[in-house]
Amino acid sequence: PITKSKWKHEKNKNLMLACWILCTNSGLAVLELDYCVSGTVRKRMSKSWVLFLSHGIFRVCEGSIRMCLYVWFTVALRVANWDFWFVPFSVDVGATIFLVAVLSGACTFGLQ
């Protein structure tokens, strides 16, 4: 452990519950964004509940994994006293914004 003491909220698992709610909420938000932005994805998800559910599970898992990696990198780099602990998050946000700006609306891989 990084610290020997715990917050009172860590003892009764409120923090863990909040983490699961946050991860699920971010995945569902990206699912809604996919549905609203891309006509191809909207058509695909409207065909059946299985496709909608599988895409939702994919987005929730993707968001959860990315957040866990951010937290892990931030904690590991701050503990190592690295002055640029925010770089992995900043690079990822910058790359995501760039890719969305360049490739937005480019869902042309045969899902019609």
C-alpha atoms as a PDB file:
ATOM      1  CA  PRO A   1       0.000   0.000   0.000  1.00  0.00           C
ATOM      2  CA  ILE A   2       1.045   3.555  -0.647  1.00  0.00           C
ATOM      3  CA  THR A   3      -0.254   4.829   2.674  1.00  0.00           C
ATOM      4  CA  LYS A   4      -0.750   3.011   5.934  1.00  0.00           C
ATOM      5  CA  SER A   5      -3.910   4.852   6.949  1.00  0.00           C
ATOM      6  CA  LYS A   6      -7.311   4.544   5.290  1.00  0.00           C
ATOM      7  CA  TRP A   7     -10.092   7.025   4.864  1.00  0.00           C
ATOM      8  CA  LYS A   8     -13.286   6.160   6.696  1.00  0.00           C
ATOM      9  CA  HIS A   9     -15.027   5.710   3.300  1.00  0.00           C
ATOM     10  CA  GLU A  10     -12.537   3.044   2.230  1.00  0.00           C
ATOM     11  CA  LYS A  11     -13.411   0.812   5.149  1.00  0.00           C
ATOM     12  CA  ASN A  12     -17.067   0.377   4.152  1.00  0.00           C
ATOM     13  CA  LYS A  13     -16.436   0.125   0.381  1.00  0.00           C
ATOM     14  CA  ASN A  14     -18.244   3.351  -0.589  1.00  0.00           C
ATOM     15  CA  LEU A  15     -15.258   4.399  -2.664  1.00  0.00           C
ATOM     16  CA  MET A  16     -15.312   1.111  -4.598  1.00  0.00           C
ATOM     17  CA  LEU A  17     -19.031   1.467  -5.289  1.00  0.00           C
ATOM     18  CA  ALA A  18     -18.485   5.026  -6.531  1.00  0.00           C
ATOM     19  CA  CYS A  19     -15.722   3.756  -8.832  1.00  0.00           C
ATOM     20  CA  TRP A  20     -18.012   1.129 -10.393  1.00  0.00           C
ATOM     21  CA  ILE A  21     -20.769   3.700 -10.872  1.00  0.00           C
ATOM     22  CA  LEU A  22     -18.322   6.119 -12.491  1.00  0.00           C
ATOM     23  CA  CYS A  23     -16.939   3.465 -14.876  1.00  0.00           C
ATOM     24  CA  THR A  24     -20.407   2.291 -15.908  1.00  0.00           C
ATOM     25  CA  ASN A  25     -21.642   5.842 -16.349  1.00  0.00           C
ATOM     26  CA  SER A  26     -18.706   6.824 -18.571  1.00  0.00           C
ATOM     27  CA  GLY A  27     -19.182   3.741 -20.745  1.00  0.00           C
ATOM     28  CA  LEU A  28     -22.889   4.448 -21.164  1.00  0.00           C
ATOM     29  CA  ALA A  29     -22.120   8.078 -22.016  1.00  0.00           C
ATOM     30  CA  VAL A  30     -19.763   6.987 -24.802  1.00  0.00           C
ATOM     31  CA  LEU A  31     -22.420   4.530 -25.998  1.00  0.00           C
ATOM     32  CA  GLU A  32     -24.914   7.386 -26.255  1.00  0.00           C
ATOM     33  CA  LEU A  33     -22.325   9.503 -28.046  1.00  0.00           C
ATOM     34  CA  ASP A  34     -21.732   6.690 -30.565  1.00  0.00           C
ATOM     35  CA  TYR A  35     -25.460   6.406 -31.158  1.00  0.00           C
ATOM     36  CA  CYS A  36     -25.931  10.145 -31.702  1.00  0.00           C
ATOM     37  CA  VAL A  37     -22.838  10.854 -33.806  1.00  0.00           C
ATOM     38  CA  SER A  38     -22.536   7.904 -36.184  1.00  0.00           C
ATOM     39  CA  GLY A  39     -25.393   6.923 -38.478  1.00  0.00           C
ATOM     40  CA  THR A  40     -23.724   3.604 -39.252  1.00  0.00           C
ATOM     41  CA  VAL A  41     -23.407   2.668 -35.599  1.00  0.00           C
ATOM     42  CA  ARG A  42     -27.001   3.817 -34.999  1.00  0.00           C
ATOM     43  CA  LYS A  43     -28.286   1.518 -37.760  1.00  0.00           C
ATOM     44  CA  ARG A  44     -26.257  -1.389 -36.452  1.00  0.00           C
ATOM     45  CA  MET A  45     -27.395  -0.929 -32.845  1.00  0.00           C
ATOM     46  CA  SER A  46     -31.026  -0.489 -33.930  1.00  0.00           C
ATOM     47  CA  LYS A  47     -31.067  -3.886 -35.676  1.00  0.00           C
ATOM     48  CA  SER A  48     -31.115  -5.984 -32.528  1.00  0.00           C
ATOM     49  CA  TRP A  49     -30.738  -5.853 -28.760  1.00  0.00           C
ATOM     50  CA  VAL A  50     -27.786  -8.244 -28.939  1.00  0.00           C
ATOM     51  CA  LEU A  51     -25.759  -5.805 -31.044  1.00  0.00           C
ATOM     52  CA  PHE A  52     -26.818  -2.904 -28.808  1.00  0.00           C
ATOM     53  CA  LEU A  53     -25.895  -4.808 -25.652  1.00  0.00           C
ATOM     54  CA  SER A  54     -22.565  -6.039 -27.031  1.00  0.00           C
ATOM     55  CA  HIS A  55     -21.597  -2.517 -28.071  1.00  0.00           C
ATOM     56  CA  GLY A  56     -22.619  -1.225 -24.638  1.00  0.00           C
ATOM     57  CA  ILE A  57     -20.559  -3.867 -22.842  1.00  0.00           C
ATOM     58  CA  PHE A  58     -17.600  -3.049 -25.094  1.00  0.00           C
ATOM     59  CA  ARG A  59     -17.846   0.680 -24.283  1.00  0.00           C
ATOM     60  CA  VAL A  60     -18.202   0.118 -20.525  1.00  0.00           C
ATOM     61  CA  CYS A  61     -15.185  -2.214 -20.512  1.00  0.00           C
ATOM     62  CA  GLU A  62     -13.148   0.197 -22.634  1.00  0.00           C
ATOM     63  CA  GLY A  63     -13.917   3.130 -20.356  1.00  0.00           C
ATOM     64  CA  SER A  64     -13.190   1.124 -17.213  1.00  0.00           C
ATOM     65  CA  ILE A  65      -9.849  -0.140 -18.476  1.00  0.00           C
ATOM     66  CA  ARG A  66      -8.753   3.321 -19.589  1.00  0.00           C
ATOM     67  CA  MET A  67      -9.668   4.857 -16.238  1.00  0.00           C
ATOM     68  CA  CYS A  68      -7.868   2.100 -14.334  1.00  0.00           C
ATOM     69  CA  LEU A  69      -4.750   2.670 -16.420  1.00  0.00           C
ATOM     70  CA  TYR A  70      -4.916   6.435 -15.781  1.00  0.00           C
ATOM     71  CA  VAL A  71      -5.190   5.904 -12.052  1.00  0.00           C
ATOM     72  CA  TRP A  72      -2.413   3.310 -12.024  1.00  0.00           C
ATOM     73  CA  PHE A  73      -0.017   5.474 -14.039  1.00  0.00           C
ATOM     74  CA  THR A  74      -0.805   8.554 -11.984  1.00  0.00           C
ATOM     75  CA  VAL A  75      -0.284   6.790  -8.657  1.00  0.00           C
ATOM     76  CA  ALA A  76       2.848   4.928  -9.806  1.00  0.00           C
ATOM     77  CA  LEU A  77       4.472   8.011 -11.288  1.00  0.00           C
ATOM     78  CA  ARG A  78       3.594  10.289  -8.373  1.00  0.00           C
ATOM     79  CA  VAL A  79       4.952   7.773  -5.888  1.00  0.00           C
ATOM     80  CA  ALA A  80       8.178   7.687  -7.923  1.00  0.00           C
ATOM     81  CA  ASN A  81       8.288  11.510  -7.621  1.00  0.00           C
ATOM     82  CA  TRP A  82       8.233  11.969 -11.378  1.00  0.00           C
ATOM     83  CA  ASP A  83       7.428  15.605 -12.068  1.00  0.00           C
ATOM     84  CA  PHE A  84       5.489  14.835 -15.264  1.00  0.00           C
ATOM     85  CA  TRP A  85       2.971  12.338 -13.845  1.00  0.00           C
ATOM     86  CA  PHE A  86       0.188  13.958 -15.898  1.00  0.00           C
ATOM     87  CA  VAL A  87       1.835  13.209 -19.292  1.00  0.00           C
ATOM     88  CA  PRO A  88       0.164   9.805 -20.046  1.00  0.00           C
ATOM     89  CA  PHE A  89      -3.302  11.273 -19.523  1.00  0.00           C
ATOM     90  CA  SER A  90      -2.492  14.409 -21.521  1.00  0.00           C
ATOM     91  CA  VAL A  91      -1.077  12.430 -24.449  1.00  0.00           C
ATOM     92  CA  ASP A  92      -4.125  10.164 -24.524  1.00  0.00           C
ATOM     93  CA  VAL A  93      -6.586  13.063 -24.421  1.00  0.00           C
ATOM     94  CA  GLY A  94      -4.662  14.875 -27.152  1.00  0.00           C
ATOM     95  CA  ALA A  95      -4.489  11.775 -29.364  1.00  0.00           C
ATOM     96  CA  THR A  96      -8.199  11.073 -28.854  1.00  0.00           C
ATOM     97  CA  ILE A  97      -9.221  14.603 -29.762  1.00  0.00           C
ATOM     98  CA  PHE A  98      -6.973  14.491 -32.829  1.00  0.00           C
ATOM     99  CA  LEU A  99      -8.377  11.146 -34.011  1.00  0.00           C
ATOM    100  CA  VAL A 100     -11.964  12.238 -33.470  1.00  0.00           C
ATOM    101  CA  ALA A 101     -11.324  15.473 -35.381  1.00  0.00           C
ATOM    102  CA  VAL A 102      -9.648  13.648 -38.291  1.00  0.00           C
ATOM    103  CA  LEU A 103     -11.698  10.447 -38.474  1.00  0.00           C
ATOM    104  CA  SER A 104     -15.124  11.486 -37.218  1.00  0.00           C
ATOM    105  CA  GLY A 105     -17.882  10.114 -39.401  1.00  0.00           C
ATOM    106  CA  ALA A 106     -15.560   7.615 -41.094  1.00  0.00           C
ATOM    107  CA  CYS A 107     -17.609   4.493 -40.215  1.00  0.00           C
ATOM    108  CA  THR A 108     -17.342   2.906 -43.657  1.00  0.00           C
ATOM    109  CA  PHE A 109     -16.403  -0.649 -42.783  1.00  0.00           C
ATOM    110  CA  GLY A 110     -19.498  -2.455 -44.045  1.00  0.00           C
ATOM    111  CA  LEU A 111     -21.892  -2.335 -41.121  1.00  0.00           C
ATOM    112  CA  GLN A 112     -24.878  -0.992 -43.103  1.00  0.00           C
END
